[in-house]
């Protein structure tokens, strides 16, 4: 059976060992880049509002988007007016920075920013230059705090709080940096962040547990149509996932008793109708992140599973404490 990149990243093999010299070089370059910002050789840019960074040190999905949504709603409840900046991965637009709305085309601005805009109804701006994206949001007059999605390694943007997310099942893989492993930075980077969140699995000491809680299946063609996953027990369903860890989505459906025909796609995959039209009568289920890219050509047989981040009071209390410190200077 053909191995995927993930198979190598989350195990140790002769192939990964052969790549170790390149990984050491990657780690060195990553460390050197961070050092140049710390030493002032490359300029960090501070915005006139607080900045909360949410990110990870591994490649692939760890649950950042649900956590960003949770944090935005948390800030709204505190009376803040949050805005979100993101790189807009997979976006093909040529005007940056670009304001994102729930109606924006994911092909232009990326899938996750559109999903965040849709779920939170807060201002979102994408672009490779995050300080510029943040300034554009502030110029709208609609936000007084910035959340930087997947911004842990974007050191040009000065930050006040850092939150790192780990996949609780896959953790740090084989512990090697790219390309031999999935790490963007050394594991020691986690010691410097304010909060480490463990998505799924079991949180280790010092980490805060997060779970993804599923809700209804929502029809892409008509979002007023909703049903329970249990309604599809008894027959096969097609499951489509273009996320960092498709297996997590497939297993979620299987745990609900569904007979799943798996269709994994690369993270940020730009769908066409041919990708999700299987020429049979079985329903097609997908993640909410995939759904924003399929709305324009969706059929009545296409459904997405709504997912929310669930975090304990210990996380809320820790964030409350950090926000008080931030407010009091």
Protein backbone atom coordinates (compact mmCIF):
# COMPACT_ATOMS: atom_id res chain seq x y z
CA UNK A 1 0.00 0.00 0.00
CA UNK A 2 1.29 3.44 -0.92
CA UNK A 3 2.31 5.52 2.10
CA UNK A 4 1.25 9.13 2.48
CA UNK A 5 3.47 11.93 3.77
CA UNK A 6 1.58 11.73 7.08
CA UNK A 7 2.54 8.06 7.44
CA UNK A 8 6.20 9.07 7.38
CA UNK A 9 5.74 12.14 9.57
CA UNK A 10 3.99 10.23 12.32
CA UNK A 11 6.44 7.34 12.44
CA UNK A 12 10.17 6.76 12.08
CA UNK A 13 11.54 4.97 9.03
CA UNK A 14 14.68 4.79 6.94
CA UNK A 15 13.17 7.43 4.66
CA UNK A 16 12.69 9.93 7.51
CA UNK A 17 16.22 9.26 8.76
CA UNK A 18 17.60 10.07 5.31
CA UNK A 19 15.80 13.42 5.47
CA UNK A 20 17.18 14.37 8.88
CA UNK A 21 20.00 16.58 7.54
CA UNK A 22 17.40 18.69 5.72
CA UNK A 23 15.32 18.82 8.90
CA UNK A 24 18.31 20.09 10.88
CA UNK A 25 18.83 22.76 8.25
CA UNK A 26 15.15 23.73 8.44
CA UNK A 27 15.30 23.95 12.24
CA UNK A 28 18.40 26.13 12.05
CA UNK A 29 16.87 28.50 9.50
CA UNK A 30 13.64 28.69 11.55
CA UNK A 31 15.62 29.45 14.72
CA UNK A 32 17.78 32.01 12.92
CA UNK A 33 14.74 33.78 11.48
CA UNK A 34 13.15 34.04 14.92
CA UNK A 35 16.44 35.30 16.37
CA UNK A 36 16.68 38.09 13.79
CA UNK A 37 13.28 39.38 14.92
CA UNK A 38 14.23 39.12 18.59
CA UNK A 39 17.49 40.97 17.96
CA UNK A 40 15.75 43.71 15.99
CA UNK A 41 17.50 42.91 12.71
CA UNK A 42 14.05 42.31 11.23
CA UNK A 43 11.39 44.70 12.45
CA UNK A 44 8.39 43.59 14.46
CA UNK A 45 5.36 45.77 13.90
CA UNK A 46 3.04 46.59 16.79
CA UNK A 47 -0.56 47.46 16.10
CA UNK A 48 -2.41 50.05 18.22
CA UNK A 49 -4.71 47.31 19.57
CA UNK A 50 -3.96 44.03 21.42
CA UNK A 51 -3.09 40.97 19.31
CA UNK A 52 -3.94 37.37 20.25
CA UNK A 53 -2.18 34.73 18.15
CA UNK A 54 -3.63 31.24 17.66
CA UNK A 55 -1.41 28.73 15.88
CA UNK A 56 0.52 25.49 16.06
CA UNK A 57 4.02 24.17 15.53
CA UNK A 58 3.00 21.33 13.20
CA UNK A 59 1.89 21.23 9.59
CA UNK A 60 -1.75 20.31 9.05
CA UNK A 61 -4.99 20.69 10.93
CA UNK A 62 -5.05 20.73 14.72
CA UNK A 63 -8.40 22.43 15.33
CA UNK A 64 -7.25 26.05 15.06
CA UNK A 65 -10.35 27.30 13.23
CA UNK A 66 -12.90 26.08 15.83
CA UNK A 67 -10.68 27.53 18.56
CA UNK A 68 -10.41 30.88 16.75
CA UNK A 69 -14.21 30.94 16.49
CA UNK A 70 -14.51 30.15 20.22
CA UNK A 71 -12.05 32.92 21.14
CA UNK A 72 -13.82 35.47 18.94
CA UNK A 73 -17.13 34.68 20.66
CA UNK A 74 -15.41 34.84 24.06
CA UNK A 75 -14.02 38.30 23.25
CA UNK A 76 -17.43 39.48 22.05
CA UNK A 77 -18.90 38.39 25.39
CA UNK A 78 -16.24 40.46 27.18
CA UNK A 79 -17.34 43.53 25.25
CA UNK A 80 -14.49 43.60 22.74
CA UNK A 81 -14.93 44.08 19.01
CA UNK A 82 -12.58 41.45 17.57
CA UNK A 83 -11.24 41.21 14.04
CA UNK A 84 -9.39 38.25 12.54
CA UNK A 85 -6.32 38.30 10.29
CA UNK A 86 -5.25 35.25 8.32
CA UNK A 87 -2.86 34.33 5.55
CA UNK A 88 -5.69 33.05 3.33
CA UNK A 89 -3.99 29.80 2.33
CA UNK A 90 -5.08 28.51 -1.10
CA UNK A 91 -6.56 31.91 -1.97
CA UNK A 92 -5.72 32.97 -5.53
CA UNK A 93 -6.60 36.66 -5.20
CA UNK A 94 -4.16 39.32 -6.38
CA UNK A 95 -5.21 42.23 -4.14
CA UNK A 96 -3.81 42.10 -0.59
CA UNK A 97 -4.79 42.74 2.09
CA UNK A 98 -8.40 41.81 1.32
CA UNK A 99 -11.49 42.09 3.51
CA UNK A 100 -13.46 38.84 3.77
CA UNK A 101 -17.22 38.47 4.12
CA UNK A 102 -19.39 35.34 4.44
CA UNK A 103 -20.13 35.74 0.72
CA UNK A 104 -16.47 35.95 -0.37
CA UNK A 105 -15.16 33.38 -2.83
CA UNK A 106 -12.91 30.86 -1.02
CA UNK A 107 -10.91 30.50 -4.24
CA UNK A 108 -9.88 34.14 -3.86
CA UNK A 109 -9.38 34.50 -0.10
CA UNK A 110 -9.09 30.96 1.29
CA UNK A 111 -11.55 28.58 2.91
CA UNK A 112 -10.87 29.13 6.62
CA UNK A 113 -11.28 32.95 6.52
CA UNK A 114 -14.66 32.59 4.80
CA UNK A 115 -15.73 30.03 7.40
CA UNK A 116 -14.63 32.29 10.27
CA UNK A 117 -16.48 35.26 8.74
CA UNK A 118 -19.59 33.13 8.30
CA UNK A 119 -19.54 31.68 11.80
CA UNK A 120 -18.64 34.83 13.76
CA UNK A 121 -19.94 37.69 11.59
CA UNK A 122 -16.86 39.66 12.66
CA UNK A 123 -14.42 41.54 10.39
CA UNK A 124 -11.84 39.28 8.71
CA UNK A 125 -8.88 40.35 6.57
CA UNK A 126 -6.40 38.15 4.71
CA UNK A 127 -2.98 38.74 3.23
CA UNK A 128 0.62 37.57 3.39
CA UNK A 129 1.57 40.72 5.34
CA UNK A 130 -0.31 40.32 8.62
CA UNK A 131 0.56 43.74 10.07
CA UNK A 132 -0.93 45.33 6.92
CA UNK A 133 -4.02 43.14 7.22
CA UNK A 134 -4.39 44.16 10.86
CA UNK A 135 -4.05 47.85 10.05
CA UNK A 136 -6.70 47.55 7.35
CA UNK A 137 -9.11 46.04 9.87
CA UNK A 138 -8.39 48.77 12.40
CA UNK A 139 -8.98 51.44 9.75
CA UNK A 140 -12.55 50.17 9.35
CA UNK A 141 -13.22 51.26 12.94
CA UNK A 142 -14.96 47.95 13.58
CA UNK A 143 -12.44 46.23 15.85
CA UNK A 144 -10.40 46.96 18.96
CA UNK A 145 -8.54 43.64 19.26
CA UNK A 146 -6.98 41.37 16.63
CA UNK A 147 -6.95 37.56 16.55
CA UNK A 148 -4.22 36.22 14.25
CA UNK A 149 -5.28 32.85 12.83
CA UNK A 150 -2.37 30.44 12.32
CA UNK A 151 0.01 33.24 13.19
CA UNK A 152 2.51 31.62 15.54
CA UNK A 153 5.40 31.76 13.07
CA UNK A 154 4.54 35.21 11.66
CA UNK A 155 6.96 37.12 13.88
CA UNK A 156 6.65 40.39 11.95
CA UNK A 157 3.39 40.96 13.85
CA UNK A 158 4.04 41.79 17.51
CA UNK A 159 1.68 39.87 19.78
CA UNK A 160 0.38 40.13 23.34
CA UNK A 161 -0.86 36.56 23.83
CA UNK A 162 0.10 33.29 22.13
CA UNK A 163 -2.10 30.20 22.10
CA UNK A 164 -0.78 26.98 20.54
CA UNK A 165 -3.02 24.05 19.55
CA UNK A 166 -1.94 20.40 19.41
CA UNK A 167 -3.71 17.44 17.85
CA UNK A 168 -4.14 15.29 20.95
CA UNK A 169 -4.03 12.05 18.99
CA UNK A 170 -1.09 12.77 16.69
CA UNK A 171 0.78 15.12 19.07
CA UNK A 172 4.15 16.11 17.54
CA UNK A 173 4.48 13.12 15.24
CA UNK A 174 7.99 11.71 15.06
CA UNK A 175 9.38 14.87 16.66
CA UNK A 176 11.34 15.99 13.60
CA UNK A 177 11.11 19.29 11.73
CA UNK A 178 10.18 19.47 8.07
CA UNK A 179 10.72 17.60 5.80
CA UNK A 180 11.45 14.48 7.91
CA UNK A 181 8.60 15.30 10.30
CA UNK A 182 5.61 17.62 10.68
CA UNK A 183 7.20 20.30 12.89
CA UNK A 184 7.50 23.93 11.83
CA UNK A 185 9.56 24.72 14.93
CA UNK A 186 11.27 22.74 17.68
CA UNK A 187 9.02 21.30 20.43
CA UNK A 188 10.70 23.69 22.90
CA UNK A 189 8.73 26.51 21.22
CA UNK A 190 5.67 25.40 23.20
CA UNK A 191 7.36 26.45 26.45
CA UNK A 192 7.26 30.10 25.36
CA UNK A 193 3.54 30.39 24.58
CA UNK A 194 0.92 31.52 27.08
CA UNK A 195 -1.49 28.62 26.60
CA UNK A 196 -1.21 25.15 25.04
CA UNK A 197 -4.52 23.59 23.99
CA UNK A 198 -4.83 19.85 23.34
CA UNK A 199 -7.55 19.03 20.80
CA UNK A 200 -8.82 15.52 21.51
CA UNK A 201 -6.70 12.79 23.02
CA UNK A 202 -5.59 13.43 26.59
CA UNK A 203 -4.11 16.73 27.69
CA UNK A 204 -0.72 16.48 29.36
CA UNK A 205 0.21 18.50 32.48
CA UNK A 206 0.10 22.21 31.72
CA UNK A 207 -2.18 21.78 28.70
CA UNK A 208 -5.87 22.65 28.42
CA UNK A 209 -8.27 20.07 27.00
CA UNK A 210 -10.44 20.87 23.99
CA UNK A 211 -12.97 18.65 22.27
CA UNK A 212 -14.81 19.13 19.00
CA UNK A 213 -18.51 18.67 19.62
CA UNK A 214 -20.67 17.85 16.64
CA UNK A 215 -24.18 19.10 16.04
CA UNK A 216 -26.69 18.70 13.23
CA UNK A 217 -26.06 17.91 9.61
CA UNK A 218 -26.99 20.98 7.56
CA UNK A 219 -27.96 20.85 3.90
CA UNK A 220 -25.74 22.88 1.58
CA UNK A 221 -28.53 23.63 -0.87
CA UNK A 222 -30.97 24.80 1.81
CA UNK A 223 -29.47 25.51 5.24
CA UNK A 224 -32.93 25.48 6.81
CA UNK A 225 -32.88 21.70 6.23
CA UNK A 226 -31.26 19.97 9.19
CA UNK A 227 -31.11 16.42 10.43
CA UNK A 228 -29.24 14.21 12.87
CA UNK A 229 -26.37 12.00 11.73
CA UNK A 230 -28.40 9.13 13.15
CA UNK A 231 -30.92 9.67 10.34
CA UNK A 232 -28.38 8.20 7.92
CA UNK A 233 -27.70 5.01 9.87
CA UNK A 234 -28.54 1.92 7.86
CA UNK A 235 -27.02 2.82 4.52
CA UNK A 236 -23.68 3.96 3.12
CA UNK A 237 -22.72 7.63 3.08
CA UNK A 238 -19.95 9.33 1.15
CA UNK A 239 -17.66 11.28 3.49
CA UNK A 240 -15.57 14.08 1.96
CA UNK A 241 -12.78 15.81 3.87
CA UNK A 242 -10.15 18.23 2.60
CA UNK A 243 -8.68 19.07 6.00
CA UNK A 244 -5.38 18.52 7.78
CA UNK A 245 -6.50 15.21 9.32
CA UNK A 246 -9.34 13.70 7.24
CA UNK A 247 -9.27 10.51 9.31
CA UNK A 248 -10.59 12.42 12.32
CA UNK A 249 -13.75 13.38 10.38
CA UNK A 250 -14.28 9.84 9.06
CA UNK A 251 -13.88 8.38 12.54
CA UNK A 252 -16.35 10.91 13.96
CA UNK A 253 -19.00 9.68 11.52
CA UNK A 254 -18.15 6.03 12.15
CA UNK A 255 -18.52 6.51 15.91
CA UNK A 256 -22.03 7.75 15.21
CA UNK A 257 -22.83 4.42 13.57
CA UNK A 258 -22.54 5.47 9.93
CA UNK A 259 -21.19 3.25 7.16
CA UNK A 260 -18.61 5.57 5.63
CA UNK A 261 -17.17 5.58 2.11
CA UNK A 262 -14.04 7.69 2.61
CA UNK A 263 -12.95 10.40 0.16
CA UNK A 264 -9.89 12.22 1.59
CA UNK A 265 -8.56 15.31 -0.19
CA UNK A 266 -5.54 17.53 0.51
CA UNK A 267 -5.97 20.34 3.02
CA UNK A 268 -7.44 23.49 1.40
CA UNK A 269 -8.46 21.51 -1.71
CA UNK A 270 -10.48 23.61 -4.17
CA UNK A 271 -13.45 21.44 -5.09
CA UNK A 272 -15.33 20.99 -8.32
CA UNK A 273 -18.70 19.28 -8.68
CA UNK A 274 -16.93 16.22 -10.06
CA UNK A 275 -15.16 15.80 -6.71
CA UNK A 276 -18.39 15.37 -4.77
CA UNK A 277 -20.72 13.83 -7.40
CA UNK A 278 -20.52 10.05 -7.03
CA UNK A 279 -23.39 9.14 -9.39
CA UNK A 280 -25.43 7.22 -6.85
CA UNK A 281 -28.22 7.87 -4.37
CA UNK A 282 -26.06 7.93 -1.23
CA UNK A 283 -25.83 11.21 0.73
CA UNK A 284 -22.54 13.12 0.72
CA UNK A 285 -21.33 14.40 4.10
CA UNK A 286 -18.48 16.88 4.54
CA UNK A 287 -16.88 19.24 7.02
CA UNK A 288 -18.06 22.82 7.36
CA UNK A 289 -14.71 24.00 6.01
CA UNK A 290 -15.26 21.96 2.86
CA UNK A 291 -18.85 23.17 2.57
CA UNK A 292 -17.92 26.84 2.06
CA UNK A 293 -16.08 25.79 -1.11
CA UNK A 294 -18.97 23.72 -2.46
CA UNK A 295 -21.96 26.03 -1.92
CA UNK A 296 -22.00 27.35 -5.49
CA UNK A 297 -22.60 23.93 -7.06
CA UNK A 298 -24.09 21.96 -4.17
CA UNK A 299 -26.98 19.56 -4.61
CA UNK A 300 -29.69 18.52 -2.20
CA UNK A 301 -27.74 15.34 -1.36
CA UNK A 302 -24.84 17.36 0.09
CA UNK A 303 -24.65 17.96 3.86
CA UNK A 304 -22.07 19.36 6.25
CA UNK A 305 -21.51 18.52 9.91
CA UNK A 306 -21.56 21.50 12.23
CA UNK A 307 -18.77 21.41 14.80
CA UNK A 308 -18.05 23.52 17.88
CA UNK A 309 -15.02 23.74 20.15
CA UNK A 310 -15.71 22.80 23.76
CA UNK A 311 -13.27 23.95 26.44
CA UNK A 312 -13.40 23.67 30.20
CA UNK A 313 -13.69 26.39 32.82
CA UNK A 314 -9.96 26.04 33.55
CA UNK A 315 -9.21 27.39 30.07
CA UNK A 316 -11.72 30.23 30.44
CA UNK A 317 -10.26 31.13 33.84
CA UNK A 318 -6.72 31.17 32.46
CA UNK A 319 -7.78 33.34 29.53
CA UNK A 320 -9.70 35.65 31.89
CA UNK A 321 -6.53 36.11 33.93
CA UNK A 322 -4.39 36.86 30.87
CA UNK A 323 -6.93 39.33 29.50
CA UNK A 324 -7.03 41.17 32.85
CA UNK A 325 -3.24 41.43 32.82
CA UNK A 326 -3.38 42.70 29.26
CA UNK A 327 -6.03 45.28 30.09
CA UNK A 328 -4.15 46.50 33.17
CA UNK A 329 -0.90 46.82 31.26
